[in-house]
Amino acid sequence: MSPELVITLGQETIKTTLMLAAPLLLCALVVGLMVSVFQAVTQINEATLSFIPKILAVVVALVICAPWMLQVISNFTTTLFENIVTYVR
């Protein structure tokens, strides 16, 4: 295994991981900001108030994005298994 191959494989792994995590993290970020603005406007200083909306938003985003996420991870895994012979050399 050459160093270039290891670096390329690592880059593809990180890119795939970021692609899979981004929709859920962005959804949680947007909902967290909206709850923070709501708390600032109403002057409610409850730290646990943002957890339930974030969890619900992430679950909704996961349900919506699950087919795409499954396709991305399946393609990555299939490509990895198809090229395993060249990785071992």
PDB file of N, CA and C in Angstrom:
ATOM      1  N   MET A   1       0.842  -1.173   0.000  1.00  0.00           N
ATOM      2  CA  MET A   1       0.000   0.000   0.000  1.00  0.00           C
ATOM      3  C   MET A   1       0.886   1.235   0.000  1.00  0.00           C
ATOM      4  N   SER A   2       0.696   2.064  -0.992  1.00  0.00           N
ATOM      5  CA  SER A   2       1.521   3.255  -1.098  1.00  0.00           C
ATOM      6  C   SER A   2       0.965   4.371  -0.202  1.00  0.00           C
ATOM      7  N   PRO A   3       1.823   5.282   0.169  1.00  0.00           N
ATOM      8  CA  PRO A   3       1.347   6.402   0.999  1.00  0.00           C
ATOM      9  C   PRO A   3       0.274   7.242   0.296  1.00  0.00           C
ATOM     10  N   GLU A   4       0.391   7.382  -1.020  1.00  0.00           N
ATOM     11  CA  GLU A   4      -0.608   8.159  -1.768  1.00  0.00           C
ATOM     12  C   GLU A   4      -1.976   7.496  -1.695  1.00  0.00           C
ATOM     13  N   LEU A   5      -1.983   6.161  -1.763  1.00  0.00           N
ATOM     14  CA  LEU A   5      -3.241   5.424  -1.685  1.00  0.00           C
ATOM     15  C   LEU A   5      -3.882   5.568  -0.309  1.00  0.00           C
ATOM     16  N   VAL A   6      -3.057   5.523   0.717  1.00  0.00           N
ATOM     17  CA  VAL A   6      -3.573   5.677   2.083  1.00  0.00           C
ATOM     18  C   VAL A   6      -4.155   7.076   2.273  1.00  0.00           C
ATOM     19  N   ILE A   7      -3.470   8.080   1.768  1.00  0.00           N
ATOM     20  CA  ILE A   7      -3.960   9.458   1.890  1.00  0.00           C
ATOM     21  C   ILE A   7      -5.258   9.638   1.108  1.00  0.00           C
ATOM     22  N   THR A   8      -5.318   9.093  -0.097  1.00  0.00           N
ATOM     23  CA  THR A   8      -6.537   9.201  -0.908  1.00  0.00           C
ATOM     24  C   THR A   8      -7.702   8.485  -0.236  1.00  0.00           C
ATOM     25  N   LEU A   9      -7.443   7.303   0.289  1.00  0.00           N
ATOM     26  CA  LEU A   9      -8.493   6.559   0.977  1.00  0.00           C
ATOM     27  C   LEU A   9      -8.962   7.298   2.228  1.00  0.00           C
ATOM     28  N   GLY A  10      -8.042   7.887   2.959  1.00  0.00           N
ATOM     29  CA  GLY A  10      -8.404   8.684   4.132  1.00  0.00           C
ATOM     30  C   GLY A  10      -9.219   9.909   3.762  1.00  0.00           C
ATOM     31  N   GLN A  11      -8.840  10.562   2.678  1.00  0.00           N
ATOM     32  CA  GLN A  11      -9.588  11.736   2.231  1.00  0.00           C
ATOM     33  C   GLN A  11     -11.009  11.369   1.822  1.00  0.00           C
ATOM     34  N   GLU A  12     -11.151  10.271   1.106  1.00  0.00           N
ATOM     35  CA  GLU A  12     -12.486   9.823   0.699  1.00  0.00           C
ATOM     36  C   GLU A  12     -13.338   9.439   1.908  1.00  0.00           C
ATOM     37  N   THR A  13     -12.706   8.831   2.899  1.00  0.00           N
ATOM     38  CA  THR A  13     -13.431   8.455   4.110  1.00  0.00           C
ATOM     39  C   THR A  13     -13.910   9.690   4.863  1.00  0.00           C
ATOM     40  N   ILE A  14     -13.059  10.671   5.004  1.00  0.00           N
ATOM     41  CA  ILE A  14     -13.433  11.911   5.699  1.00  0.00           C
ATOM     42  C   ILE A  14     -14.510  12.652   4.921  1.00  0.00           C
ATOM     43  N   LYS A  15     -14.382  12.694   3.591  1.00  0.00           N
ATOM     44  CA  LYS A  15     -15.386  13.366   2.770  1.00  0.00           C
ATOM     45  C   LYS A  15     -16.745  12.689   2.906  1.00  0.00           C
ATOM     46  N   THR A  16     -16.752  11.363   2.883  1.00  0.00           N
ATOM     47  CA  THR A  16     -18.008  10.628   3.031  1.00  0.00           C
ATOM     48  C   THR A  16     -18.616  10.849   4.413  1.00  0.00           C
ATOM     49  N   THR A  17     -17.778  10.842   5.429  1.00  0.00           N
ATOM     50  CA  THR A  17     -18.260  11.070   6.791  1.00  0.00           C
ATOM     51  C   THR A  17     -18.878  12.462   6.929  1.00  0.00           C
ATOM     52  N   LEU A  18     -18.223  13.457   6.379  1.00  0.00           N
ATOM     53  CA  LEU A  18     -18.764  14.817   6.440  1.00  0.00           C
ATOM     54  C   LEU A  18     -20.059  14.947   5.654  1.00  0.00           C
ATOM     55  N   MET A  19     -20.139  14.271   4.507  1.00  0.00           N
ATOM     56  CA  MET A  19     -21.372  14.313   3.716  1.00  0.00           C
ATOM     57  C   MET A  19     -22.530  13.686   4.483  1.00  0.00           C
ATOM     58  N   LEU A  20     -22.258  12.624   5.222  1.00  0.00           N
ATOM     59  CA  LEU A  20     -23.315  11.950   5.971  1.00  0.00           C
ATOM     60  C   LEU A  20     -23.728  12.737   7.210  1.00  0.00           C
ATOM     61  N   ALA A  21     -22.781  13.400   7.846  1.00  0.00           N
ATOM     62  CA  ALA A  21     -23.076  14.106   9.096  1.00  0.00           C
ATOM     63  C   ALA A  21     -23.626  15.516   8.869  1.00  0.00           C
ATOM     64  N   ALA A  22     -23.306  16.123   7.746  1.00  0.00           N
ATOM     65  CA  ALA A  22     -23.652  17.528   7.518  1.00  0.00           C
ATOM     66  C   ALA A  22     -25.148  17.836   7.614  1.00  0.00           C
ATOM     67  N   PRO A  23     -26.029  17.072   6.969  1.00  0.00           N
ATOM     68  CA  PRO A  23     -27.456  17.444   7.065  1.00  0.00           C
ATOM     69  C   PRO A  23     -27.990  17.419   8.497  1.00  0.00           C
ATOM     70  N   LEU A  24     -27.578  16.437   9.265  1.00  0.00           N
ATOM     71  CA  LEU A  24     -28.074  16.338  10.639  1.00  0.00           C
ATOM     72  C   LEU A  24     -27.496  17.451  11.512  1.00  0.00           C
ATOM     73  N   LEU A  25     -26.211  17.723  11.352  1.00  0.00           N
ATOM     74  CA  LEU A  25     -25.581  18.778  12.150  1.00  0.00           C
ATOM     75  C   LEU A  25     -26.119  20.156  11.790  1.00  0.00           C
ATOM     76  N   LEU A  26     -26.319  20.399  10.501  1.00  0.00           N
ATOM     77  CA  LEU A  26     -26.866  21.699  10.085  1.00  0.00           C
ATOM     78  C   LEU A  26     -28.294  21.878  10.584  1.00  0.00           C
ATOM     79  N   CYS A  27     -29.064  20.823  10.554  1.00  0.00           N
ATOM     80  CA  CYS A  27     -30.438  20.892  11.068  1.00  0.00           C
ATOM     81  C   CYS A  27     -30.437  21.216  12.561  1.00  0.00           C
ATOM     82  N   ALA A  28     -29.584  20.531  13.304  1.00  0.00           N
ATOM     83  CA  ALA A  28     -29.492  20.807  14.748  1.00  0.00           C
ATOM     84  C   ALA A  28     -29.002  22.233  14.997  1.00  0.00           C
ATOM     85  N   LEU A  29     -28.093  22.718  14.173  1.00  0.00           N
ATOM     86  CA  LEU A  29     -27.585  24.081  14.323  1.00  0.00           C
ATOM     87  C   LEU A  29     -28.684  25.109  14.084  1.00  0.00           C
ATOM     88  N   VAL A  30     -29.446  24.931  13.013  1.00  0.00           N
ATOM     89  CA  VAL A  30     -30.509  25.888  12.687  1.00  0.00           C
ATOM     90  C   VAL A  30     -31.583  25.898  13.771  1.00  0.00           C
ATOM     91  N   VAL A  31     -31.998  24.722  14.217  1.00  0.00           N
ATOM     92  CA  VAL A  31     -33.016  24.654  15.263  1.00  0.00           C
ATOM     93  C   VAL A  31     -32.482  25.235  16.567  1.00  0.00           C
ATOM     94  N   GLY A  32     -31.228  24.969  16.887  1.00  0.00           N
ATOM     95  CA  GLY A  32     -30.623  25.534  18.096  1.00  0.00           C
ATOM     96  C   GLY A  32     -30.577  27.046  18.051  1.00  0.00           C
ATOM     97  N   LEU A  33     -30.246  27.604  16.888  1.00  0.00           N
ATOM     98  CA  LEU A  33     -30.242  29.065  16.758  1.00  0.00           C
ATOM     99  C   LEU A  33     -31.644  29.645  16.898  1.00  0.00           C
ATOM    100  N   MET A  34     -32.627  28.974  16.311  1.00  0.00           N
ATOM    101  CA  MET A  34     -34.005  29.470  16.427  1.00  0.00           C
ATOM    102  C   MET A  34     -34.485  29.422  17.872  1.00  0.00           C
ATOM    103  N   VAL A  35     -34.152  28.360  18.580  1.00  0.00           N
ATOM    104  CA  VAL A  35     -34.548  28.267  19.991  1.00  0.00           C
ATOM    105  C   VAL A  35     -33.811  29.321  20.806  1.00  0.00           C
ATOM    106  N   SER A  36     -32.551  29.573  20.497  1.00  0.00           N
ATOM    107  CA  SER A  36     -31.791  30.599  21.217  1.00  0.00           C
ATOM    108  C   SER A  36     -32.386  31.991  21.003  1.00  0.00           C
ATOM    109  N   VAL A  37     -32.781  32.274  19.781  1.00  0.00           N
ATOM    110  CA  VAL A  37     -33.419  33.567  19.504  1.00  0.00           C
ATOM    111  C   VAL A  37     -34.743  33.657  20.258  1.00  0.00           C
ATOM    112  N   PHE A  38     -35.515  32.578  20.259  1.00  0.00           N
ATOM    113  CA  PHE A  38     -36.777  32.556  21.011  1.00  0.00           C
ATOM    114  C   PHE A  38     -36.529  32.791  22.496  1.00  0.00           C
ATOM    115  N   GLN A  39     -35.493  32.149  23.042  1.00  0.00           N
ATOM    116  CA  GLN A  39     -35.175  32.336  24.457  1.00  0.00           C
ATOM    117  C   GLN A  39     -34.724  33.767  24.740  1.00  0.00           C
ATOM    118  N   ALA A  40     -33.981  34.358  23.818  1.00  0.00           N
ATOM    119  CA  ALA A  40     -33.520  35.727  24.025  1.00  0.00           C
ATOM    120  C   ALA A  40     -34.689  36.713  23.971  1.00  0.00           C
ATOM    121  N   VAL A  41     -35.624  36.457  23.063  1.00  0.00           N
ATOM    122  CA  VAL A  41     -36.779  37.358  22.924  1.00  0.00           C
ATOM    123  C   VAL A  41     -37.694  37.253  24.133  1.00  0.00           C
ATOM    124  N   THR A  42     -37.929  36.043  24.589  1.00  0.00           N
ATOM    125  CA  THR A  42     -38.860  35.855  25.706  1.00  0.00           C
ATOM    126  C   THR A  42     -38.169  35.886  27.065  1.00  0.00           C
ATOM    127  N   GLN A  43     -36.877  35.987  27.079  1.00  0.00           N
ATOM    128  CA  GLN A  43     -36.061  36.013  28.285  1.00  0.00           C
ATOM    129  C   GLN A  43     -36.260  34.764  29.149  1.00  0.00           C
ATOM    130  N   ILE A  44     -36.462  33.643  28.490  1.00  0.00           N
ATOM    131  CA  ILE A  44     -36.529  32.358  29.185  1.00  0.00           C
ATOM    132  C   ILE A  44     -35.110  31.804  29.226  1.00  0.00           C
ATOM    133  N   ASN A  45     -34.595  31.566  30.417  1.00  0.00           N
ATOM    134  CA  ASN A  45     -33.217  31.096  30.563  1.00  0.00           C
ATOM    135  C   ASN A  45     -33.171  29.628  30.985  1.00  0.00           C
ATOM    136  N   GLU A  46     -33.849  28.801  30.265  1.00  0.00           N
ATOM    137  CA  GLU A  46     -33.870  27.376  30.560  1.00  0.00           C
ATOM    138  C   GLU A  46     -32.911  26.665  29.608  1.00  0.00           C
ATOM    139  N   ALA A  47     -31.886  26.031  30.152  1.00  0.00           N
ATOM    140  CA  ALA A  47     -30.856  25.393  29.323  1.00  0.00           C
ATOM    141  C   ALA A  47     -31.362  24.137  28.630  1.00  0.00           C
ATOM    142  N   THR A  48     -32.328  23.464  29.231  1.00  0.00           N
ATOM    143  CA  THR A  48     -32.803  22.203  28.658  1.00  0.00           C
ATOM    144  C   THR A  48     -33.887  22.391  27.608  1.00  0.00           C
ATOM    145  N   LEU A  49     -34.308  23.612  27.375  1.00  0.00           N
ATOM    146  CA  LEU A  49     -35.396  23.876  26.438  1.00  0.00           C
ATOM    147  C   LEU A  49     -35.040  23.516  25.005  1.00  0.00           C
ATOM    148  N   SER A  50     -33.793  23.594  24.638  1.00  0.00           N
ATOM    149  CA  SER A  50     -33.419  23.373  23.243  1.00  0.00           C
ATOM    150  C   SER A  50     -33.230  21.905  22.885  1.00  0.00           C
ATOM    151  N   PHE A  51     -33.173  21.016  23.851  1.00  0.00           N
ATOM    152  CA  PHE A  51     -32.869  19.620  23.550  1.00  0.00           C
ATOM    153  C   PHE A  51     -33.982  18.918  22.775  1.00  0.00           C
ATOM    154  N   ILE A  52     -35.216  19.054  23.209  1.00  0.00           N
ATOM    155  CA  ILE A  52     -36.326  18.350  22.558  1.00  0.00           C
ATOM    156  C   ILE A  52     -36.527  18.817  21.118  1.00  0.00           C
ATOM    157  N   PRO A  53     -36.558  20.133  20.838  1.00  0.00           N
ATOM    158  CA  PRO A  53     -36.690  20.546  19.437  1.00  0.00           C
ATOM    159  C   PRO A  53     -35.520  20.070  18.568  1.00  0.00           C
ATOM    160  N   LYS A  54     -34.311  20.080  19.124  1.00  0.00           N
ATOM    161  CA  LYS A  54     -33.161  19.597  18.351  1.00  0.00           C
ATOM    162  C   LYS A  54     -33.279  18.116  18.039  1.00  0.00           C
ATOM    163  N   ILE A  55     -33.671  17.346  19.042  1.00  0.00           N
ATOM    164  CA  ILE A  55     -33.813  15.900  18.829  1.00  0.00           C
ATOM    165  C   ILE A  55     -34.885  15.616  17.786  1.00  0.00           C
ATOM    166  N   LEU A  56     -36.007  16.290  17.884  1.00  0.00           N
ATOM    167  CA  LEU A  56     -37.070  16.094  16.911  1.00  0.00           C
ATOM    168  C   LEU A  56     -36.646  16.506  15.505  1.00  0.00           C
ATOM    169  N   ALA A  57     -35.941  17.614  15.409  1.00  0.00           N
ATOM    170  CA  ALA A  57     -35.476  18.080  14.100  1.00  0.00           C
ATOM    171  C   ALA A  57     -34.462  17.112  13.491  1.00  0.00           C
ATOM    172  N   VAL A  58     -33.572  16.577  14.304  1.00  0.00           N
ATOM    173  CA  VAL A  58     -32.583  15.622  13.796  1.00  0.00           C
ATOM    174  C   VAL A  58     -33.265  14.330  13.360  1.00  0.00           C
ATOM    175  N   VAL A  59     -34.275  13.885  14.104  1.00  0.00           N
ATOM    176  CA  VAL A  59     -35.006  12.679  13.713  1.00  0.00           C
ATOM    177  C   VAL A  59     -35.736  12.904  12.386  1.00  0.00           C
ATOM    178  N   VAL A  60     -36.357  14.063  12.219  1.00  0.00           N
ATOM    179  CA  VAL A  60     -37.036  14.382  10.963  1.00  0.00           C
ATOM    180  C   VAL A  60     -36.028  14.446   9.819  1.00  0.00           C
ATOM    181  N   ALA A  61     -34.899  15.085  10.049  1.00  0.00           N
ATOM    182  CA  ALA A  61     -33.864  15.162   9.009  1.00  0.00           C
ATOM    183  C   ALA A  61     -33.319  13.778   8.672  1.00  0.00           C
ATOM    184  N   LEU A  62     -33.187  12.941   9.677  1.00  0.00           N
ATOM    185  CA  LEU A  62     -32.710  11.576   9.443  1.00  0.00           C
ATOM    186  C   LEU A  62     -33.708  10.784   8.612  1.00  0.00           C
ATOM    187  N   VAL A  63     -34.986  10.928   8.900  1.00  0.00           N
ATOM    188  CA  VAL A  63     -36.008  10.228   8.121  1.00  0.00           C
ATOM    189  C   VAL A  63     -36.011  10.718   6.675  1.00  0.00           C
ATOM    190  N   ILE A  64     -35.856  12.016   6.485  1.00  0.00           N
ATOM    191  CA  ILE A  64     -35.855  12.577   5.134  1.00  0.00           C
ATOM    192  C   ILE A  64     -34.591  12.189   4.376  1.00  0.00           C
ATOM    193  N   CYS A  65     -33.448  12.256   5.032  1.00  0.00           N
ATOM    194  CA  CYS A  65     -32.157  12.026   4.363  1.00  0.00           C
ATOM    195  C   CYS A  65     -31.692  10.574   4.379  1.00  0.00           C
ATOM    196  N   ALA A  66     -32.402   9.707   5.069  1.00  0.00           N
ATOM    197  CA  ALA A  66     -31.941   8.318   5.217  1.00  0.00           C
ATOM    198  C   ALA A  66     -31.728   7.598   3.890  1.00  0.00           C
ATOM    199  N   PRO A  67     -32.616   7.703   2.905  1.00  0.00           N
ATOM    200  CA  PRO A  67     -32.343   7.005   1.641  1.00  0.00           C
ATOM    201  C   PRO A  67     -31.061   7.493   0.958  1.00  0.00           C
ATOM    202  N   TRP A  68     -30.869   8.806   0.948  1.00  0.00           N
ATOM    203  CA  TRP A  68     -29.654   9.351   0.346  1.00  0.00           C
ATOM    204  C   TRP A  68     -28.411   8.931   1.131  1.00  0.00           C
ATOM    205  N   MET A  69     -28.490   8.977   2.447  1.00  0.00           N
ATOM    206  CA  MET A  69     -27.358   8.583   3.278  1.00  0.00           C
ATOM    207  C   MET A  69     -27.020   7.108   3.077  1.00  0.00           C
ATOM    208  N   LEU A  70     -28.031   6.272   2.971  1.00  0.00           N
ATOM    209  CA  LEU A  70     -27.818   4.845   2.736  1.00  0.00           C
ATOM    210  C   LEU A  70     -27.166   4.606   1.379  1.00  0.00           C
ATOM    211  N   GLN A  71     -27.585   5.376   0.381  1.00  0.00           N
ATOM    212  CA  GLN A  71     -26.982   5.244  -0.942  1.00  0.00           C
ATOM    213  C   GLN A  71     -25.514   5.661  -0.923  1.00  0.00           C
ATOM    214  N   VAL A  72     -25.198   6.751  -0.251  1.00  0.00           N
ATOM    215  CA  VAL A  72     -23.811   7.227  -0.186  1.00  0.00           C
ATOM    216  C   VAL A  72     -22.921   6.220   0.516  1.00  0.00           C
ATOM    217  N   ILE A  73     -23.348   5.719   1.658  1.00  0.00           N
ATOM    218  CA  ILE A  73     -22.515   4.776   2.398  1.00  0.00           C
ATOM    219  C   ILE A  73     -22.433   3.436   1.674  1.00  0.00           C
ATOM    220  N   SER A  74     -23.486   3.042   0.977  1.00  0.00           N
ATOM    221  CA  SER A  74     -23.445   1.796   0.200  1.00  0.00           C
ATOM    222  C   SER A  74     -22.480   1.908  -0.971  1.00  0.00           C
ATOM    223  N   ASN A  75     -22.522   3.043  -1.663  1.00  0.00           N
ATOM    224  CA  ASN A  75     -21.581   3.248  -2.774  1.00  0.00           C
ATOM    225  C   ASN A  75     -20.138   3.256  -2.286  1.00  0.00           C
ATOM    226  N   PHE A  76     -19.897   3.910  -1.166  1.00  0.00           N
ATOM    227  CA  PHE A  76     -18.542   3.960  -0.614  1.00  0.00           C
ATOM    228  C   PHE A  76     -18.062   2.565  -0.229  1.00  0.00           C
ATOM    229  N   THR A  77     -18.921   1.812   0.444  1.00  0.00           N
ATOM    230  CA  THR A  77     -18.544   0.472   0.882  1.00  0.00           C
ATOM    231  C   THR A  77     -18.348  -0.460  -0.307  1.00  0.00           C
ATOM    232  N   THR A  78     -19.220  -0.369  -1.302  1.00  0.00           N
ATOM    233  CA  THR A  78     -19.078  -1.200  -2.495  1.00  0.00           C
ATOM    234  C   THR A  78     -17.773  -0.894  -3.217  1.00  0.00           C
ATOM    235  N   THR A  79     -17.462   0.368  -3.367  1.00  0.00           N
ATOM    236  CA  THR A  79     -16.203   0.753  -4.006  1.00  0.00           C
ATOM    237  C   THR A  79     -15.011   0.265  -3.205  1.00  0.00           C
ATOM    238  N   LEU A  80     -15.102   0.355  -1.909  1.00  0.00           N
ATOM    239  CA  LEU A  80     -14.016  -0.112  -1.040  1.00  0.00           C
ATOM    240  C   LEU A  80     -13.804  -1.614  -1.197  1.00  0.00           C
ATOM    241  N   PHE A  81     -14.897  -2.390  -1.190  1.00  0.00           N
ATOM    242  CA  PHE A  81     -14.780  -3.841  -1.317  1.00  0.00           C
ATOM    243  C   PHE A  81     -14.339  -4.268  -2.714  1.00  0.00           C
ATOM    244  N   GLU A  82     -14.790  -3.536  -3.742  1.00  0.00           N
ATOM    245  CA  GLU A  82     -14.378  -3.871  -5.108  1.00  0.00           C
ATOM    246  C   GLU A  82     -12.889  -3.645  -5.319  1.00  0.00           C
ATOM    247  N   ASN A  83     -12.319  -2.657  -4.655  1.00  0.00           N
ATOM    248  CA  ASN A  83     -10.909  -2.312  -4.857  1.00  0.00           C
ATOM    249  C   ASN A  83     -10.000  -2.857  -3.750  1.00  0.00           C
ATOM    250  N   ILE A  84     -10.483  -3.761  -2.941  1.00  0.00           N
ATOM    251  CA  ILE A  84      -9.688  -4.251  -1.814  1.00  0.00           C
ATOM    252  C   ILE A  84      -8.439  -4.985  -2.292  1.00  0.00           C
ATOM    253  N   VAL A  85      -8.521  -5.605  -3.465  1.00  0.00           N
ATOM    254  CA  VAL A  85      -7.352  -6.312  -3.987  1.00  0.00           C
ATOM    255  C   VAL A  85      -6.220  -5.330  -4.279  1.00  0.00           C
ATOM    256  N   THR A  86      -6.558  -4.163  -4.839  1.00  0.00           N
ATOM    257  CA  THR A  86      -5.508  -3.184  -5.108  1.00  0.00           C
ATOM    258  C   THR A  86      -5.005  -2.521  -3.839  1.00  0.00           C
ATOM    259  N   TYR A  87      -5.825  -2.472  -2.806  1.00  0.00           N
ATOM    260  CA  TYR A  87      -5.384  -1.872  -1.546  1.00  0.00           C
ATOM    261  C   TYR A  87      -4.410  -2.771  -0.824  1.00  0.00           C
ATOM    262  N   VAL A  88      -4.574  -4.077  -0.944  1.00  0.00           N
ATOM    263  CA  VAL A  88      -3.727  -5.029  -0.216  1.00  0.00           C
ATOM    264  C   VAL A  88      -2.324  -5.103  -0.825  1.00  0.00           C
ATOM    265  N   ARG A  89      -2.229  -4.946  -2.118  1.00  0.00           N
ATOM    266  CA  ARG A  89      -0.917  -5.051  -2.793  1.00  0.00           C
ATOM    267  C   ARG A  89       0.079  -4.076  -2.303  1.00  0.00           C
TER     268      ARG A  89
END
